[in-house]
N, C-alpha and C. Protein backbone atom coordinates (compact mmCIF):
# COMPACT_ATOMS: atom_id res chain seq x y z
N MET A 1 70.94 82.55 4.63
CA MET A 1 71.16 81.27 4.28
C MET A 1 70.70 81.09 2.73
N ARG A 2 71.58 80.56 1.97
CA ARG A 2 71.27 80.13 0.55
C ARG A 2 70.69 78.77 0.55
N THR A 3 69.85 78.58 -0.55
CA THR A 3 69.17 77.06 -0.78
C THR A 3 69.89 76.89 -2.07
N LEU A 4 70.15 75.52 -2.29
CA LEU A 4 70.83 74.88 -3.56
C LEU A 4 69.96 73.74 -3.58
N ASN A 5 69.53 73.60 -5.00
CA ASN A 5 68.68 72.52 -5.45
C ASN A 5 69.67 71.29 -6.10
N VAL A 6 69.43 70.19 -5.85
CA VAL A 6 70.54 69.31 -6.37
C VAL A 6 69.54 67.88 -6.96
N SER A 7 69.57 67.61 -8.11
CA SER A 7 68.83 66.42 -8.54
C SER A 7 69.55 65.16 -8.54
N ILE A 8 68.84 64.18 -8.11
CA ILE A 8 69.48 62.78 -7.99
C ILE A 8 68.58 61.84 -8.43
N SER A 9 69.01 60.57 -8.79
CA SER A 9 68.04 59.59 -9.30
C SER A 9 67.44 58.96 -8.28
N GLU A 10 66.31 58.20 -8.71
CA GLU A 10 65.59 57.50 -7.45
C GLU A 10 66.47 56.38 -6.86
N ASN A 11 67.25 55.84 -7.65
CA ASN A 11 68.33 54.85 -7.03
C ASN A 11 69.25 55.55 -6.08
N GLU A 12 69.86 56.74 -6.41
CA GLU A 12 70.67 57.26 -5.35
C GLU A 12 69.87 57.69 -4.27
N TYR A 13 68.67 58.08 -4.39
CA TYR A 13 67.80 58.53 -3.33
C TYR A 13 67.58 57.41 -2.22
N LYS A 14 67.42 56.23 -2.89
CA LYS A 14 67.41 55.02 -2.12
C LYS A 14 68.72 54.49 -1.47
N ARG A 15 69.51 54.56 -2.25
CA ARG A 15 70.93 54.08 -1.79
C ARG A 15 71.53 54.87 -0.56
N PHE A 16 71.23 56.18 -0.59
CA PHE A 16 71.66 57.01 0.49
C PHE A 16 70.64 56.98 1.54
N GLY A 17 69.64 56.16 1.45
CA GLY A 17 68.62 56.14 2.50
C GLY A 17 67.98 57.33 2.83
N LEU A 18 67.58 58.34 2.12
CA LEU A 18 67.17 59.48 2.25
C LEU A 18 65.65 59.37 2.51
N LYS A 19 65.05 60.15 3.50
CA LYS A 19 63.74 60.00 3.91
C LYS A 19 63.07 61.50 3.47
N ASP A 20 63.86 62.53 3.70
CA ASP A 20 63.18 63.79 3.51
C ASP A 20 63.69 64.41 2.12
N GLU A 21 63.12 65.33 1.55
CA GLU A 21 63.61 65.92 0.44
C GLU A 21 64.31 67.23 0.63
N SER A 22 64.57 67.39 2.02
CA SER A 22 65.28 68.69 2.37
C SER A 22 66.51 68.28 3.38
N LEU A 23 67.71 68.59 3.12
CA LEU A 23 68.84 68.35 3.90
C LEU A 23 69.79 69.62 4.01
N THR A 24 70.37 69.66 5.26
CA THR A 24 71.31 70.68 5.34
C THR A 24 72.61 70.22 4.58
N PHE A 25 73.57 71.16 4.18
CA PHE A 25 74.77 70.83 3.66
C PHE A 25 75.58 69.78 4.35
N SER A 26 75.62 70.14 5.55
CA SER A 26 76.25 68.95 6.49
C SER A 26 75.89 67.61 6.30
N GLU A 27 74.59 67.72 6.31
CA GLU A 27 74.13 66.23 6.28
C GLU A 27 74.33 65.67 4.99
N LEU A 28 74.12 66.31 3.87
CA LEU A 28 74.41 65.88 2.53
C LEU A 28 75.95 65.48 2.60
N PHE A 29 76.83 66.39 3.17
CA PHE A 29 78.28 66.10 3.09
C PHE A 29 78.59 64.85 3.79
N ASN A 30 78.17 64.62 4.98
CA ASN A 30 78.25 63.50 5.61
C ASN A 30 77.64 62.20 5.03
N LEU A 31 76.47 62.22 4.29
CA LEU A 31 76.02 61.05 3.39
C LEU A 31 77.23 60.63 2.40
N VAL A 32 77.50 61.85 1.67
CA VAL A 32 78.44 61.66 0.43
C VAL A 32 79.78 61.10 0.98
N SER A 33 80.20 61.82 2.15
CA SER A 33 81.50 61.28 2.70
C SER A 33 81.43 59.70 3.03
N ALA A 34 80.43 59.33 3.78
CA ALA A 34 80.22 57.96 4.06
C ALA A 34 80.40 57.06 2.89
N GLU A 35 79.56 57.45 1.90
CA GLU A 35 79.52 56.57 0.59
C GLU A 35 80.92 56.37 -0.10
N LEU A 36 81.54 57.49 -0.10
CA LEU A 36 83.11 57.59 -0.60
C LEU A 36 83.88 56.72 0.17
N MET A 37 83.75 56.80 1.48
CA MET A 37 84.49 55.80 2.36
C MET A 37 84.14 54.43 2.20
N ARG A 38 82.87 54.08 1.96
CA ARG A 38 82.53 52.75 1.80
C ARG A 38 83.14 52.22 0.52
N GLN A 39 83.24 53.14 -0.62
CA GLN A 39 83.62 52.62 -1.92
C GLN A 39 85.14 52.53 -1.90
N ASN A 40 85.85 53.47 -1.19
CA ASN A 40 87.24 53.19 -0.94
C ASN A 40 87.79 51.96 -0.07
N LEU A 41 86.80 51.79 0.81
CA LEU A 41 87.05 50.44 1.51
C LEU A 41 86.97 49.15 0.70
N GLU A 42 85.83 49.22 0.00
CA GLU A 42 85.73 47.90 -0.96
C GLU A 42 86.84 47.99 -2.09
N ARG A 43 87.34 48.96 -2.50
CA ARG A 43 88.53 48.98 -3.46
C ARG A 43 89.77 48.48 -2.86
N SER A 44 89.96 49.01 -1.56
CA SER A 44 91.21 48.55 -0.76
C SER A 44 91.13 47.10 -0.68
N ILE A 45 89.94 46.57 -0.32
CA ILE A 45 89.69 45.12 -0.13
C ILE A 45 90.11 44.46 -1.22
N GLU A 46 89.54 44.92 -2.47
CA GLU A 46 89.73 44.03 -3.76
C GLU A 46 91.13 44.19 -4.08
N LEU A 47 91.77 45.30 -3.93
CA LEU A 47 93.31 45.35 -4.17
C LEU A 47 94.08 44.43 -3.30
N ALA A 48 93.81 44.45 -1.90
CA ALA A 48 94.36 43.51 -1.08
C ALA A 48 94.48 42.07 -1.38
N GLU A 49 93.13 41.72 -1.85
CA GLU A 49 92.96 40.37 -2.11
C GLU A 49 93.62 40.07 -3.42
N LYS A 50 93.70 40.95 -4.33
CA LYS A 50 94.38 40.70 -5.80
C LYS A 50 96.03 40.57 -5.45
N TYR A 51 96.47 41.31 -4.73
CA TYR A 51 97.78 41.30 -4.42
C TYR A 51 98.20 40.33 -3.29
N GLY A 52 97.35 39.46 -2.80
CA GLY A 52 97.64 38.75 -1.64
C GLY A 52 97.93 39.31 -0.34
N LEU A 53 97.66 40.44 -0.11
CA LEU A 53 97.92 41.22 1.09
C LEU A 53 96.74 40.85 2.05
N SER A 54 95.61 40.43 1.68
CA SER A 54 94.62 40.07 2.71
C SER A 54 94.80 38.75 3.51
N ASP A 55 95.88 38.22 3.07
CA ASP A 55 96.46 36.91 3.89
C ASP A 55 97.32 37.25 4.87
N MET A 56 97.81 38.27 4.97
CA MET A 56 99.00 38.90 5.90
C MET A 56 98.38 38.72 7.27
N THR A 57 99.44 38.33 7.96
CA THR A 57 99.08 38.37 9.50
C THR A 57 99.31 39.76 10.20
N MET A 58 98.73 40.08 11.40
CA MET A 58 99.10 41.36 11.89
C MET A 58 100.55 41.49 12.08
N ASP A 59 101.22 40.43 12.56
CA ASP A 59 102.79 40.56 12.80
C ASP A 59 103.46 40.88 11.36
N GLU A 60 102.90 40.36 10.24
CA GLU A 60 103.67 40.46 9.02
C GLU A 60 103.19 42.05 8.52
N ILE A 61 102.11 42.56 8.78
CA ILE A 61 101.85 43.86 8.60
C ILE A 61 102.63 44.99 9.45
N THR A 62 102.77 44.58 10.58
CA THR A 62 103.56 45.46 11.55
C THR A 62 105.10 45.42 10.96
N GLU A 63 105.54 44.40 10.69
CA GLU A 63 107.00 44.25 10.21
C GLU A 63 107.10 44.93 8.73
N GLU A 64 106.19 45.03 8.04
CA GLU A 64 106.11 45.83 6.84
C GLU A 64 106.11 47.13 6.89
N VAL A 65 105.29 47.54 8.02
CA VAL A 65 105.13 48.98 8.39
C VAL A 65 106.45 49.46 8.86
N LYS A 66 107.16 48.76 9.67
CA LYS A 66 108.24 48.96 10.36
C LYS A 66 109.51 49.18 9.21
N ALA A 67 109.46 48.32 8.33
CA ALA A 67 110.38 48.32 7.02
C ALA A 67 110.14 49.64 6.33
N VAL A 68 109.00 49.98 5.92
CA VAL A 68 108.73 51.10 5.16
C VAL A 68 109.30 52.38 6.02
N ARG A 69 108.84 52.51 7.37
CA ARG A 69 109.45 53.70 8.14
C ARG A 69 110.92 53.63 8.10
N THR A 70 111.46 52.56 8.36
CA THR A 70 112.91 52.62 8.43
C THR A 70 113.48 53.08 7.24
N HIS A 71 112.89 52.62 6.07
CA HIS A 71 113.39 52.96 4.63
C HIS A 71 113.30 54.51 4.60
N ALA A 72 112.13 55.09 4.96
CA ALA A 72 111.54 56.50 4.83
C ALA A 72 112.80 57.21 5.62
N LYS A 73 112.99 56.89 6.87
CA LYS A 73 113.90 57.66 7.74
C LYS A 73 115.45 57.61 6.96
N SER A 74 115.91 56.56 6.42
CA SER A 74 117.28 56.40 5.97
C SER A 74 117.44 57.29 4.51
N ASN A 75 116.16 57.52 3.93
CA ASN A 75 116.12 58.44 2.68
C ASN A 75 116.17 60.03 3.06
N ASN A 76 115.95 60.25 4.35
CA ASN A 76 115.81 61.86 4.67
C ASN A 76 117.04 62.40 5.13
């Protein structure tokens, strides 16, 4: 097994909730993946609010998905 040293700021260390200075690659990967998903979710929420999509009902969302799928099928 190889060892890789990675330097991060104190803020990043705290933000990721790290308790130990030694992690497996899988643990680091999972932490970074979770942070990226959180950031993407926040960005999605911002965009949904910006374009008025956050006010859509589930029925409106379902109809929109059906319309896009129908359009995609007709273009193939």
